[in-house]
C-alpha atoms as a PDB file:
ATOM      1  CA  MET A   1      66.996  92.613 246.622  1.00  0.00           C
ATOM      2  CA  GLY A   2      66.909  96.291 246.002  1.00  0.00           C
ATOM      3  CA  LYS A   3      65.339  99.039 248.307  1.00  0.00           C
ATOM      4  CA  LYS A   4      62.047  98.594 249.782  1.00  0.00           C
ATOM      5  CA  LEU A   5      59.869 101.126 251.617  1.00  0.00           C
ATOM      6  CA  LEU A   6      56.559 100.293 253.581  1.00  0.00           C
ATOM      7  CA  LEU A   7      54.583 103.561 253.726  1.00  0.00           C
ATOM      8  CA  ILE A   8      51.827 103.813 256.099  1.00  0.00           C
ATOM      9  CA  GLY A   9      49.213 106.302 256.410  1.00  0.00           C
ATOM     10  CA  ASN A  10      45.334 107.161 256.127  1.00  0.00           C
ATOM     11  CA  HIS A  11      43.777 108.029 252.588  1.00  0.00           C
ATOM     12  CA  SER A  12      44.679 111.446 251.737  1.00  0.00           C
ATOM     13  CA  ILE A  13      46.000 113.345 248.553  1.00  0.00           C
ATOM     14  CA  HIS A  14      49.086 114.004 250.772  1.00  0.00           C
ATOM     15  CA  VAL A  15      49.945 110.270 251.158  1.00  0.00           C
ATOM     16  CA  ASN A  16      49.322 109.931 247.637  1.00  0.00           C
ATOM     17  CA  ASN A  17      51.500 112.672 246.531  1.00  0.00           C
ATOM     18  CA  TYR A  18      54.530 111.173 248.963  1.00  0.00           C
ATOM     19  CA  TYR A  19      54.160 107.884 247.495  1.00  0.00           C
ATOM     20  CA  HIS A  20      54.671 109.341 243.928  1.00  0.00           C
ATOM     21  CA  LEU A  21      57.357 111.603 245.270  1.00  0.00           C
ATOM     22  CA  VAL A  22      59.729 109.037 246.640  1.00  0.00           C
ATOM     23  CA  LYS A  23      58.672 105.808 244.479  1.00  0.00           C
ATOM     24  CA  PRO A  24      61.608 106.549 241.990  1.00  0.00           C
ATOM     25  CA  TYR A  25      64.232 106.080 244.908  1.00  0.00           C
ATOM     26  CA  PHE A  26      62.896 102.723 245.759  1.00  0.00           C
ATOM     27  CA  ASP A  27      62.670  99.340 244.119  1.00  0.00           C
ATOM     28  CA  GLU A  28      59.327  98.290 245.864  1.00  0.00           C
ATOM     29  CA  VAL A  29      56.953 100.658 247.614  1.00  0.00           C
ATOM     30  CA  LEU A  30      54.144  99.054 249.494  1.00  0.00           C
ATOM     31  CA  LEU A  31      51.240 101.161 250.899  1.00  0.00           C
ATOM     32  CA  ILE A  32      49.199 100.467 254.112  1.00  0.00           C
ATOM     33  CA  THR A  33      46.082 102.539 254.465  1.00  0.00           C
ATOM     34  CA  ASN A  34      42.365 102.727 255.449  1.00  0.00           C
ATOM     35  CA  LYS A  35      40.548 102.929 252.110  1.00  0.00           C
ATOM     36  CA  SER A  36      41.321 103.070 248.396  1.00  0.00           C
ATOM     37  CA  ASN A  37      42.329 106.035 246.427  1.00  0.00           C
ATOM     38  CA  GLU A  38      39.963 105.729 243.718  1.00  0.00           C
ATOM     39  CA  LYS A  39      40.873 108.619 241.549  1.00  0.00           C
ATOM     40  CA  SER A  40      44.592 107.689 241.553  1.00  0.00           C
ATOM     41  CA  PRO A  41      44.739 103.924 242.923  1.00  0.00           C
ATOM     42  CA  ILE A  42      48.252 102.591 244.440  1.00  0.00           C
ATOM     43  CA  GLU A  43      49.242  99.143 244.072  1.00  0.00           C
ATOM     44  CA  PRO A  44      50.271  97.214 245.872  1.00  0.00           C
ATOM     45  CA  VAL A  45      48.358  97.995 248.991  1.00  0.00           C
ATOM     46  CA  GLU A  46      47.013  96.645 252.169  1.00  0.00           C
ATOM     47  CA  PHE A  47      44.079  97.957 254.068  1.00  0.00           C
ATOM     48  CA  VAL A  48      43.518  98.168 257.847  1.00  0.00           C
ATOM     49  CA  ASP A  49      41.305 100.226 260.019  1.00  0.00           C
ATOM     50  CA  PHE A  50      43.284 102.758 262.259  1.00  0.00           C
ATOM     51  CA  SER A  51      40.423 104.087 264.142  1.00  0.00           C
ATOM     52  CA  TYR A  52      40.412 103.963 267.976  1.00  0.00           C
ATOM     53  CA  LYS A  53      36.765 103.564 268.192  1.00  0.00           C
ATOM     54  CA  LYS A  54      37.191  99.971 267.846  1.00  0.00           C
ATOM     55  CA  ILE A  55      38.923  98.360 270.650  1.00  0.00           C
ATOM     56  CA  SER A  56      39.589  95.377 268.674  1.00  0.00           C
ATOM     57  CA  ASN A  57      41.825  97.406 266.200  1.00  0.00           C
ATOM     58  CA  PHE A  58      44.338  97.118 268.980  1.00  0.00           C
ATOM     59  CA  PHE A  59      44.658  93.410 268.008  1.00  0.00           C
ATOM     60  CA  TYR A  60      43.596  93.025 264.346  1.00  0.00           C
ATOM     61  CA  THR A  61      45.233  96.282 263.081  1.00  0.00           C
ATOM     62  CA  ILE A  62      48.424  95.681 264.888  1.00  0.00           C
ATOM     63  CA  LYS A  63      48.518  91.903 263.735  1.00  0.00           C
ATOM     64  CA  LYS A  64      47.867  93.011 260.304  1.00  0.00           C
ATOM     65  CA  ILE A  65      50.715  95.373 259.918  1.00  0.00           C
ATOM     66  CA  ARG A  66      53.186  92.797 261.637  1.00  0.00           C
ATOM     67  CA  SER A  67      51.986  90.265 259.280  1.00  0.00           C
ATOM     68  CA  VAL A  68      52.310  92.577 256.146  1.00  0.00           C
ATOM     69  CA  PHE A  69      55.826  93.603 257.398  1.00  0.00           C
ATOM     70  CA  HIS A  70      57.218  90.108 257.985  1.00  0.00           C
ATOM     71  CA  GLU A  71      55.945  89.361 254.100  1.00  0.00           C
ATOM     72  CA  PHE A  72      57.323  92.380 252.769  1.00  0.00           C
ATOM     73  CA  LYS A  73      60.368  92.864 254.591  1.00  0.00           C
ATOM     74  CA  PRO A  74      61.168  96.476 254.133  1.00  0.00           C
ATOM     75  CA  ASP A  75      64.351  98.429 254.514  1.00  0.00           C
ATOM     76  CA  VAL A  76      62.509 101.373 256.201  1.00  0.00           C
ATOM     77  CA  VAL A  77      59.182 102.104 257.455  1.00  0.00           C
ATOM     78  CA  HIS A  78      57.537 105.718 256.945  1.00  0.00           C
ATOM     79  CA  VAL A  79      54.533 106.443 258.879  1.00  0.00           C
ATOM     80  CA  HIS A  80      52.287 109.414 258.244  1.00  0.00           C
ATOM     81  CA  GLN A  81      50.641 111.478 261.091  1.00  0.00           C
ATOM     82  CA  VAL A  82      51.378 111.247 264.687  1.00  0.00           C
ATOM     83  CA  ASN A  83      48.040 109.822 265.769  1.00  0.00           C
ATOM     84  CA  SER A  84      46.506 106.445 265.840  1.00  0.00           C
ATOM     85  CA  VAL A  85      48.146 105.564 262.350  1.00  0.00           C
ATOM     86  CA  ALA A  86      51.555 106.148 264.061  1.00  0.00           C
ATOM     87  CA  LEU A  87      50.256 104.480 267.375  1.00  0.00           C
ATOM     88  CA  PHE A  88      49.284 101.159 265.849  1.00  0.00           C
ATOM     89  CA  SER A  89      52.151 101.105 263.311  1.00  0.00           C
ATOM     90  CA  ILE A  90      54.891 101.580 266.258  1.00  0.00           C
ATOM     91  CA  LEU A  91      53.072  98.963 268.353  1.00  0.00           C
ATOM     92  CA  ALA A  92      53.477  96.538 265.705  1.00  0.00           C
ATOM     93  CA  LEU A  93      56.906  97.273 264.602  1.00  0.00           C
ATOM     94  CA  LYS A  94      58.838  98.842 267.216  1.00  0.00           C
ATOM     95  CA  SER A  95      60.583  95.583 268.351  1.00  0.00           C
ATOM     96  CA  PHE A  96      61.999  94.910 265.082  1.00  0.00           C
ATOM     97  CA  LYS A  97      65.406  96.148 263.644  1.00  0.00           C
ATOM     98  CA  VAL A  98      63.881  98.451 260.920  1.00  0.00           C
ATOM     99  CA  PRO A  99      64.402 102.221 260.992  1.00  0.00           C
ATOM    100  CA  ILE A 100      60.780 104.239 261.399  1.00  0.00           C
ATOM    101  CA  VAL A 101      60.286 107.603 260.309  1.00  0.00           C
ATOM    102  CA  LEU A 102      57.477 109.492 261.297  1.00  0.00           C
ATOM    103  CA  THR A 103      56.004 112.595 259.382  1.00  0.00           C
ATOM    104  CA  ALA A 104      54.052 115.123 261.377  1.00  0.00           C
ATOM    105  CA  TRP A 105      51.445 116.860 259.527  1.00  0.00           C
ATOM    106  CA  GLY A 106      50.534 119.934 261.883  1.00  0.00           C
ATOM    107  CA  SER A 107      47.281 119.606 263.702  1.00  0.00           C
ATOM    108  CA  ASP A 108      48.780 116.243 265.186  1.00  0.00           C
ATOM    109  CA  ILE A 109      51.385 117.995 266.860  1.00  0.00           C
ATOM    110  CA  LEU A 110      50.050 121.642 267.116  1.00  0.00           C
ATOM    111  CA  LEU A 111      46.310 120.830 268.393  1.00  0.00           C
ATOM    112  CA  SER A 112      45.822 117.021 269.407  1.00  0.00           C
ATOM    113  CA  PRO A 113      48.167 117.034 272.395  1.00  0.00           C
ATOM    114  CA  LYS A 114      46.371 120.157 274.037  1.00  0.00           C
ATOM    115  CA  LYS A 115      43.177 118.099 273.720  1.00  0.00           C
ATOM    116  CA  SER A 116      43.476 115.646 276.471  1.00  0.00           C
ATOM    117  CA  PHE A 117      46.374 113.926 278.549  1.00  0.00           C
ATOM    118  CA  ILE A 118      45.966 110.595 276.678  1.00  0.00           C
ATOM    119  CA  LEU A 119      46.369 112.002 273.408  1.00  0.00           C
ATOM    120  CA  ARG A 120      49.559 114.065 274.517  1.00  0.00           C
ATOM    121  CA  GLN A 121      50.981 110.662 276.050  1.00  0.00           C
ATOM    122  CA  ILE A 122      50.309 108.920 272.569  1.00  0.00           C
ATOM    123  CA  VAL A 123      52.175 111.650 270.738  1.00  0.00           C
ATOM    124  CA  LYS A 124      55.285 111.400 273.331  1.00  0.00           C
ATOM    125  CA  TYR A 125      55.082 107.503 272.868  1.00  0.00           C
ATOM    126  CA  CYS A 126      55.155 107.727 269.006  1.00  0.00           C
ATOM    127  CA  LEU A 127      57.946 110.343 268.792  1.00  0.00           C
ATOM    128  CA  LYS A 128      59.964 108.489 271.295  1.00  0.00           C
ATOM    129  CA  ASN A 129      59.986 105.330 269.245  1.00  0.00           C
ATOM    130  CA  ALA A 130      60.676 107.017 265.916  1.00  0.00           C
ATOM    131  CA  ASP A 131      64.123 106.904 264.517  1.00  0.00           C
ATOM    132  CA  VAL A 132      63.627 110.293 262.459  1.00  0.00           C
ATOM    133  CA  VAL A 133      60.661 112.776 262.533  1.00  0.00           C
ATOM    134  CA  THR A 134      60.129 115.173 259.641  1.00  0.00           C
ATOM    135  CA  ALA A 135      58.164 118.338 259.814  1.00  0.00           C
ATOM    136  CA  ASP A 136      57.254 120.785 257.143  1.00  0.00           C
ATOM    137  CA  ALA A 137      58.080 123.921 258.935  1.00  0.00           C
ATOM    138  CA  GLU A 138      60.642 124.990 261.491  1.00  0.00           C
ATOM    139  CA  TYR A 139      58.323 125.993 263.900  1.00  0.00           C
ATOM    140  CA  LEU A 140      56.068 122.575 263.796  1.00  0.00           C
ATOM    141  CA  GLY A 141      59.757 120.949 264.277  1.00  0.00           C
ATOM    142  CA  GLN A 142      60.458 123.029 267.531  1.00  0.00           C
ATOM    143  CA  GLU A 143      56.894 121.933 268.541  1.00  0.00           C
ATOM    144  CA  VAL A 144      57.778 118.262 267.908  1.00  0.00           C
ATOM    145  CA  LEU A 145      60.825 118.612 270.368  1.00  0.00           C
ATOM    146  CA  LYS A 146      58.747 119.850 273.257  1.00  0.00           C
ATOM    147  CA  TYR A 147      57.523 116.382 273.211  1.00  0.00           C
ATOM    148  CA  MET A 148      60.707 114.539 272.802  1.00  0.00           C
ATOM    149  CA  PRO A 149      62.512 115.532 275.877  1.00  0.00           C
ATOM    150  CA  SER A 150      65.447 112.908 275.432  1.00  0.00           C
ATOM    151  CA  LYS A 151      65.948 114.249 271.771  1.00  0.00           C
ATOM    152  CA  LYS A 152      66.346 110.504 270.879  1.00  0.00           C
ATOM    153  CA  SER A 153      64.965 111.267 267.605  1.00  0.00           C
ATOM    154  CA  LYS A 154      66.207 113.306 264.719  1.00  0.00           C
ATOM    155  CA  VAL A 155      64.165 115.999 263.236  1.00  0.00           C
ATOM    156  CA  VAL A 156      64.398 116.790 259.535  1.00  0.00           C
ATOM    157  CA  ILE A 157      62.650 119.711 258.229  1.00  0.00           C
ATOM    158  CA  ALA A 158      61.210 119.140 254.773  1.00  0.00           C
ATOM    159  CA  ASN A 159      57.738 119.859 253.006  1.00  0.00           C
ATOM    160  CA  PHE A 160      56.638 117.471 250.030  1.00  0.00           C
ATOM    161  CA  GLY A 161      57.337 120.310 247.516  1.00  0.00           C
ATOM    162  CA  MET A 162      55.247 121.236 244.503  1.00  0.00           C
ATOM    163  CA  GLU A 163      55.264 120.296 240.955  1.00  0.00           C
ATOM    164  CA  LEU A 164      56.021 122.845 238.400  1.00  0.00           C
ATOM    165  CA  HIS A 165      53.636 123.005 235.458  1.00  0.00           C
ATOM    166  CA  ASP A 166      54.520 126.202 233.329  1.00  0.00           C
ATOM    167  CA  GLU A 167      52.026 125.618 230.819  1.00  0.00           C
ATOM    168  CA  PHE A 168      49.319 127.070 233.051  1.00  0.00           C
ATOM    169  CA  PHE A 169      50.793 130.713 233.375  1.00  0.00           C
ATOM    170  CA  THR A 170      48.239 132.987 231.765  1.00  0.00           C
ATOM    171  CA  GLN A 171      46.867 136.467 232.016  1.00  0.00           C
ATOM    172  CA  LYS A 172      45.985 137.702 235.613  1.00  0.00           C
ATOM    173  CA  GLU A 173      42.224 138.686 236.323  1.00  0.00           C
ATOM    174  CA  ASN A 174      40.584 140.537 239.129  1.00  0.00           C
ATOM    175  CA  ILE A 175      40.080 137.374 241.267  1.00  0.00           C
ATOM    176  CA  ILE A 176      40.613 136.739 244.827  1.00  0.00           C
ATOM    177  CA  TYR A 177      41.149 132.726 245.248  1.00  0.00           C
ATOM    178  CA  SER A 178      40.432 130.429 248.241  1.00  0.00           C
ATOM    179  CA  ASN A 179      40.906 126.715 248.141  1.00  0.00           C
ATOM    180  CA  ARG A 180      41.195 125.453 251.499  1.00  0.00           C
ATOM    181  CA  LEU A 181      38.764 122.772 252.776  1.00  0.00           C
ATOM    182  CA  HIS A 182      35.118 124.042 254.079  1.00  0.00           C
ATOM    183  CA  LYS A 183      35.749 123.127 257.890  1.00  0.00           C
ATOM    184  CA  PRO A 184      35.716 125.585 260.650  1.00  0.00           C
ATOM    185  CA  LEU A 185      39.565 125.333 261.064  1.00  0.00           C
ATOM    186  CA  TYR A 186      40.043 127.417 257.748  1.00  0.00           C
ATOM    187  CA  ASN A 187      37.632 130.244 258.478  1.00  0.00           C
ATOM    188  CA  ILE A 188      36.213 130.374 254.773  1.00  0.00           C
ATOM    189  CA  ASP A 189      33.282 132.309 256.531  1.00  0.00           C
ATOM    190  CA  GLU A 190      35.651 134.940 257.528  1.00  0.00           C
ATOM    191  CA  ILE A 191      36.791 135.181 253.990  1.00  0.00           C
ATOM    192  CA  ILE A 192      33.470 135.746 252.899  1.00  0.00           C
ATOM    193  CA  ARG A 193      32.659 138.484 255.258  1.00  0.00           C
ATOM    194  CA  ALA A 194      35.860 140.187 254.369  1.00  0.00           C
ATOM    195  CA  PHE A 195      34.928 140.215 250.994  1.00  0.00           C
ATOM    196  CA  LYS A 196      31.565 141.666 251.895  1.00  0.00           C
ATOM    197  CA  LYS A 197      33.511 144.526 253.597  1.00  0.00           C
ATOM    198  CA  LEU A 198      35.559 145.012 250.446  1.00  0.00           C
ATOM    199  CA  GLU A 199      32.423 145.192 248.386  1.00  0.00           C
ATOM    200  CA  ASP A 200      31.008 147.766 250.865  1.00  0.00           C
ATOM    201  CA  THR A 201      33.951 150.051 249.854  1.00  0.00           C
ATOM    202  CA  GLY A 202      32.075 150.775 246.518  1.00  0.00           C
ATOM    203  CA  ARG A 203      35.427 150.550 244.770  1.00  0.00           C
ATOM    204  CA  ASN A 204      35.506 146.690 244.206  1.00  0.00           C
ATOM    205  CA  THR A 205      36.465 145.141 240.998  1.00  0.00           C
ATOM    206  CA  TYR A 206      37.414 141.870 242.232  1.00  0.00           C
ATOM    207  CA  ARG A 207      35.483 138.499 242.272  1.00  0.00           C
ATOM    208  CA  LEU A 208      36.028 135.762 244.946  1.00  0.00           C
ATOM    209  CA  VAL A 209      36.211 132.127 243.807  1.00  0.00           C
ATOM    210  CA  ILE A 210      35.845 129.631 246.482  1.00  0.00           C
ATOM    211  CA  ALA A 211      37.170 125.953 245.666  1.00  0.00           C
ATOM    212  CA  ALA A 212      37.041 122.870 247.709  1.00  0.00           C
ATOM    213  CA  THR A 213      34.209 121.386 249.696  1.00  0.00           C
ATOM    214  CA  GLY A 214      33.647 120.198 253.194  1.00  0.00           C
ATOM    215  CA  GLU A 215      31.053 119.834 256.010  1.00  0.00           C
ATOM    216  CA  GLU A 216      30.515 123.815 255.835  1.00  0.00           C
ATOM    217  CA  THR A 217      29.892 124.158 252.179  1.00  0.00           C
ATOM    218  CA  GLU A 218      26.076 124.606 252.271  1.00  0.00           C
ATOM    219  CA  ASN A 219      26.417 127.240 255.286  1.00  0.00           C
ATOM    220  CA  LEU A 220      29.069 129.128 253.188  1.00  0.00           C
ATOM    221  CA  LYS A 221      26.765 129.187 250.315  1.00  0.00           C
ATOM    222  CA  LYS A 222      23.946 130.596 252.399  1.00  0.00           C
ATOM    223  CA  LEU A 223      26.090 133.131 253.875  1.00  0.00           C
ATOM    224  CA  VAL A 224      26.942 134.342 250.329  1.00  0.00           C
ATOM    225  CA  THR A 225      23.099 134.456 249.622  1.00  0.00           C
ATOM    226  CA  ASP A 226      22.401 136.266 252.781  1.00  0.00           C
ATOM    227  CA  LEU A 227      25.006 139.009 252.391  1.00  0.00           C
ATOM    228  CA  LYS A 228      23.870 139.451 248.599  1.00  0.00           C
ATOM    229  CA  LEU A 229      27.117 138.550 247.162  1.00  0.00           C
ATOM    230  CA  ASN A 230      25.638 135.698 244.667  1.00  0.00           C
ATOM    231  CA  ASP A 231      27.064 137.874 241.405  1.00  0.00           C
ATOM    232  CA  LYS A 232      30.517 138.265 243.127  1.00  0.00           C
ATOM    233  CA  VAL A 233      31.104 134.853 244.720  1.00  0.00           C
ATOM    234  CA  THR A 234      31.486 131.604 242.833  1.00  0.00           C
ATOM    235  CA  PHE A 235      31.881 128.128 244.387  1.00  0.00           C
ATOM    236  CA  VAL A 236      33.712 125.900 241.911  1.00  0.00           C
ATOM    237  CA  GLY A 237      33.894 122.701 243.944  1.00  0.00           C
ATOM    238  CA  TRP A 238      36.518 119.924 244.258  1.00  0.00           C
ATOM    239  CA  LEU A 239      39.105 120.448 241.506  1.00  0.00           C
ATOM    240  CA  SER A 240      41.484 118.584 239.551  1.00  0.00           C
ATOM    241  CA  LEU A 241      45.190 119.505 239.955  1.00  0.00           C
ATOM    242  CA  ALA A 242      45.165 121.142 236.587  1.00  0.00           C
ATOM    243  CA  GLU A 243      41.832 122.867 237.330  1.00  0.00           C
ATOM    244  CA  ASN A 244      43.327 124.216 240.631  1.00  0.00           C
ATOM    245  CA  LEU A 245      46.650 125.432 239.171  1.00  0.00           C
ATOM    246  CA  LYS A 246      44.557 127.446 236.297  1.00  0.00           C
ATOM    247  CA  TRP A 247      42.892 129.377 238.944  1.00  0.00           C
ATOM    248  CA  TYR A 248      46.135 130.166 240.671  1.00  0.00           C
ATOM    249  CA  ALA A 249      47.396 131.256 237.369  1.00  0.00           C
ATOM    250  CA  LYS A 250      44.604 133.700 236.784  1.00  0.00           C
ATOM    251  CA  SER A 251      44.130 135.062 240.256  1.00  0.00           C
ATOM    252  CA  LYS A 252      45.790 138.140 241.428  1.00  0.00           C
ATOM    253  CA  PHE A 253      45.099 137.440 245.172  1.00  0.00           C
ATOM    254  CA  TYR A 254      45.256 134.101 247.367  1.00  0.00           C
ATOM    255  CA  VAL A 255      43.534 134.100 250.945  1.00  0.00           C
ATOM    256  CA  SER A 256      44.173 131.179 253.470  1.00  0.00           C
ATOM    257  CA  ILE A 257      43.463 132.191 256.880  1.00  0.00           C
ATOM    258  CA  PRO A 258      43.271 128.807 259.002  1.00  0.00           C
ATOM    259  CA  ASP A 259      43.482 128.962 262.959  1.00  0.00           C
ATOM    260  CA  SER A 260      45.982 126.481 262.742  1.00  0.00           C
ATOM    261  CA  ASP A 261      48.417 125.179 260.160  1.00  0.00           C
ATOM    262  CA  ALA A 262      51.801 123.971 258.945  1.00  0.00           C
ATOM    263  CA  THR A 263      53.473 124.520 255.610  1.00  0.00           C
ATOM    264  CA  SER A 264      50.580 123.901 253.232  1.00  0.00           C
ATOM    265  CA  ILE A 265      51.493 123.025 249.561  1.00  0.00           C
ATOM    266  CA  SER A 266      48.498 125.398 248.426  1.00  0.00           C
ATOM    267  CA  LEU A 267      50.374 128.488 249.804  1.00  0.00           C
ATOM    268  CA  LEU A 268      53.528 127.406 247.880  1.00  0.00           C
ATOM    269  CA  GLU A 269      51.492 126.844 244.705  1.00  0.00           C
ATOM    270  CA  ALA A 270      49.981 130.273 245.215  1.00  0.00           C
ATOM    271  CA  MET A 271      53.333 132.038 245.391  1.00  0.00           C
ATOM    272  CA  TYR A 272      54.713 130.122 242.508  1.00  0.00           C
ATOM    273  CA  TYR A 273      51.822 130.982 240.139  1.00  0.00           C
ATOM    274  CA  GLY A 274      52.192 134.870 241.055  1.00  0.00           C
ATOM    275  CA  CYS A 275      49.273 135.193 243.579  1.00  0.00           C
ATOM    276  CA  TYR A 276      49.834 138.032 246.220  1.00  0.00           C
ATOM    277  CA  PRO A 277      49.528 135.655 249.553  1.00  0.00           C
ATOM    278  CA  ILE A 278      47.012 136.941 252.258  1.00  0.00           C
ATOM    279  CA  VAL A 279      47.540 134.392 255.276  1.00  0.00           C
ATOM    280  CA  SER A 280      47.141 133.879 258.923  1.00  0.00           C
ATOM    281  CA  SER A 281      49.930 135.406 261.050  1.00  0.00           C
ATOM    282  CA  LEU A 282      50.912 131.708 261.970  1.00  0.00           C
ATOM    283  CA  PRO A 283      54.488 130.858 262.663  1.00  0.00           C
ATOM    284  CA  ALA A 284      54.694 128.341 259.698  1.00  0.00           C
ATOM    285  CA  LYS A 285      53.243 130.913 257.350  1.00  0.00           C
ATOM    286  CA  ARG A 286      56.015 133.586 258.675  1.00  0.00           C
ATOM    287  CA  GLU A 287      58.546 131.307 257.414  1.00  0.00           C
ATOM    288  CA  TRP A 288      57.310 131.687 253.896  1.00  0.00           C
ATOM    289  CA  ILE A 289      55.452 135.204 253.958  1.00  0.00           C
ATOM    290  CA  SER A 290      56.969 138.567 255.442  1.00  0.00           C
ATOM    291  CA  ASP A 291      54.006 140.855 255.992  1.00  0.00           C
ATOM    292  CA  ARG A 292      53.670 143.673 253.137  1.00  0.00           C
ATOM    293  CA  VAL A 293      56.911 142.431 251.637  1.00  0.00           C
ATOM    294  CA  ASN A 294      55.958 139.247 249.785  1.00  0.00           C
ATOM    295  CA  GLY A 295      52.290 139.002 250.864  1.00  0.00           C
ATOM    296  CA  ALA A 296      50.278 140.093 253.741  1.00  0.00           C
ATOM    297  CA  TYR A 297      49.096 138.834 257.174  1.00  0.00           C
ATOM    298  CA  TYR A 298      45.279 138.855 257.734  1.00  0.00           C
ATOM    299  CA  LYS A 299      43.759 141.195 260.323  1.00  0.00           C
ATOM    300  CA  SER A 300      40.168 141.994 259.739  1.00  0.00           C
ATOM    301  CA  ASP A 301      39.832 142.760 256.210  1.00  0.00           C
ATOM    302  CA  PHE A 302      41.498 142.868 252.677  1.00  0.00           C
ATOM    303  CA  ASN A 303      40.629 146.000 251.570  1.00  0.00           C
ATOM    304  CA  PHE A 304      44.280 147.194 251.246  1.00  0.00           C
ATOM    305  CA  ILE A 305      44.292 145.297 247.753  1.00  0.00           C
ATOM    306  CA  LEU A 306      42.461 148.143 246.417  1.00  0.00           C
ATOM    307  CA  ASP A 307      45.888 150.091 246.830  1.00  0.00           C
ATOM    308  CA  LYS A 308      48.254 147.404 245.234  1.00  0.00           C
ATOM    309  CA  ASP A 309      49.237 148.383 241.672  1.00  0.00           C
ATOM    310  CA  GLN A 310      50.077 145.747 238.903  1.00  0.00           C
ATOM    311  CA  LYS A 311      53.738 146.759 239.505  1.00  0.00           C
ATOM    312  CA  ILE A 312      53.457 145.832 243.233  1.00  0.00           C
ATOM    313  CA  LEU A 313      51.773 142.561 242.241  1.00  0.00           C
ATOM    314  CA  ASP A 314      54.474 141.708 239.692  1.00  0.00           C
ATOM    315  CA  ARG A 315      57.409 142.514 242.272  1.00  0.00           C
ATOM    316  CA  VAL A 316      55.796 140.007 244.836  1.00  0.00           C
ATOM    317  CA  ALA A 317      55.319 137.687 242.120  1.00  0.00           C
ATOM    318  CA  GLU A 318      59.179 137.544 241.162  1.00  0.00           C
ATOM    319  CA  ILE A 319      60.053 137.445 244.751  1.00  0.00           C
ATOM    320  CA  ASN A 320      57.968 134.454 245.520  1.00  0.00           C
ATOM    321  CA  LYS A 321      58.897 132.535 242.445  1.00  0.00           C
ATOM    322  CA  HIS A 322      62.364 132.771 243.533  1.00  0.00           C
ATOM    323  CA  VAL A 323      61.494 131.664 247.145  1.00  0.00           C
ATOM    324  CA  ILE A 324      59.665 128.527 245.840  1.00  0.00           C
ATOM    325  CA  LEU A 325      62.373 127.636 243.460  1.00  0.00           C
ATOM    326  CA  LYS A 326      64.761 127.518 246.075  1.00  0.00           C
ATOM    327  CA  LYS A 327      62.955 125.659 248.539  1.00  0.00           C
ATOM    328  CA  GLY A 328      59.609 124.499 247.685  1.00  0.00           C
ATOM    329  CA  THR A 329      59.566 122.197 244.758  1.00  0.00           C
ATOM    330  CA  VAL A 330      59.181 118.829 244.375  1.00  0.00           C
ATOM    331  CA  LYS A 331      62.888 118.194 243.223  1.00  0.00           C
ATOM    332  CA  VAL A 332      64.195 120.039 246.538  1.00  0.00           C
ATOM    333  CA  ALA A 333      61.836 117.787 248.265  1.00  0.00           C
ATOM    334  CA  TYR A 334      62.796 114.669 246.964  1.00  0.00           C
ATOM    335  CA  ASN A 335      66.590 115.310 247.526  1.00  0.00           C
ATOM    336  CA  LYS A 336      65.773 116.122 251.304  1.00  0.00           C
ATOM    337  CA  PHE A 337      63.683 112.860 251.894  1.00  0.00           C
ATOM    338  CA  THR A 338      65.959 110.711 249.825  1.00  0.00           C
ATOM    339  CA  ASN A 339      69.027 111.914 251.807  1.00  0.00           C
ATOM    340  CA  MET A 340      67.340 111.093 254.970  1.00  0.00           C
ATOM    341  CA  TYR A 341      66.872 107.410 253.750  1.00  0.00           C
ATOM    342  CA  LYS A 342      70.648 107.479 252.807  1.00  0.00           C
ATOM    343  CA  GLU A 343      71.647 108.598 256.241  1.00  0.00           C
ATOM    344  CA  LEU A 344      69.514 105.714 257.591  1.00  0.00           C
ATOM    345  CA  GLY A 345      71.304 103.379 255.639  1.00  0.00           C
ATOM    346  CA  VAL A 346      68.757 102.771 252.996  1.00  0.00           C
END
């Protein structure tokens, strides 16, 4: 019959990437999600509504997940995000004798439980009923354990890894690159203001390239105009994988300063392609970056980049490439996740 995985998660690039990461290990993978991935469709797929807003979902979504489970007969169920996706999935499947793996993404553990008593109880319930929980950073794993007083589930530290495309390596240019989503969490406005401080030194030879999109995009463009930075700041929009990797390869510096984050693949990509990372001093970031050793923690500006000569940048690039090859590639991730499945008897 072969090995079967039932993968459950909201539509996102992360679920899409995970599907392709572990698919070679299984004979069949069936995805349950909320909407189609138009750019990279996955087959077979089943659609449900994971929203809490419709009370009827507590009947229809749970019933649909259970129905798909009975028809597909998976050897293991892997649910992404400790939120409504996990709650509906566990309510549907916890009574069946099949291992349930639950992957925490970051904000579902770091932020949501602090918003309300109900959300905290949901997180506890989901973690309690999982056989294995995965987290992409040691810090996130420790936070998971705070909501698992019984320590019933095992916590595995494993990120999704990055693919290596060495064909994109090229000559570096004086570019500072930012590609996180345009949401308040990611503080793109602060990056623009820091770039203004750099410009005000009168010594700036860099330009700022801002990728991605989001609810704050128009406000960010207005901020650039108000600060009279239009000739130095470029918005390149939502990029394909290849386009994104080319920008890493060309850029000397990479900036990512969210208020909360786990291990982001974008940081791993920036490290591999030789960018000097400037990041928030968050626990998950400190697992990858040591201040002024292989990157820097953002404080109030990044004017210090003017004092970084090419020799320093080359040394940091060499350190970071070695770090990624050791613990940040798709190959490393594949081995960690498939070993986890093997331990579950799959």
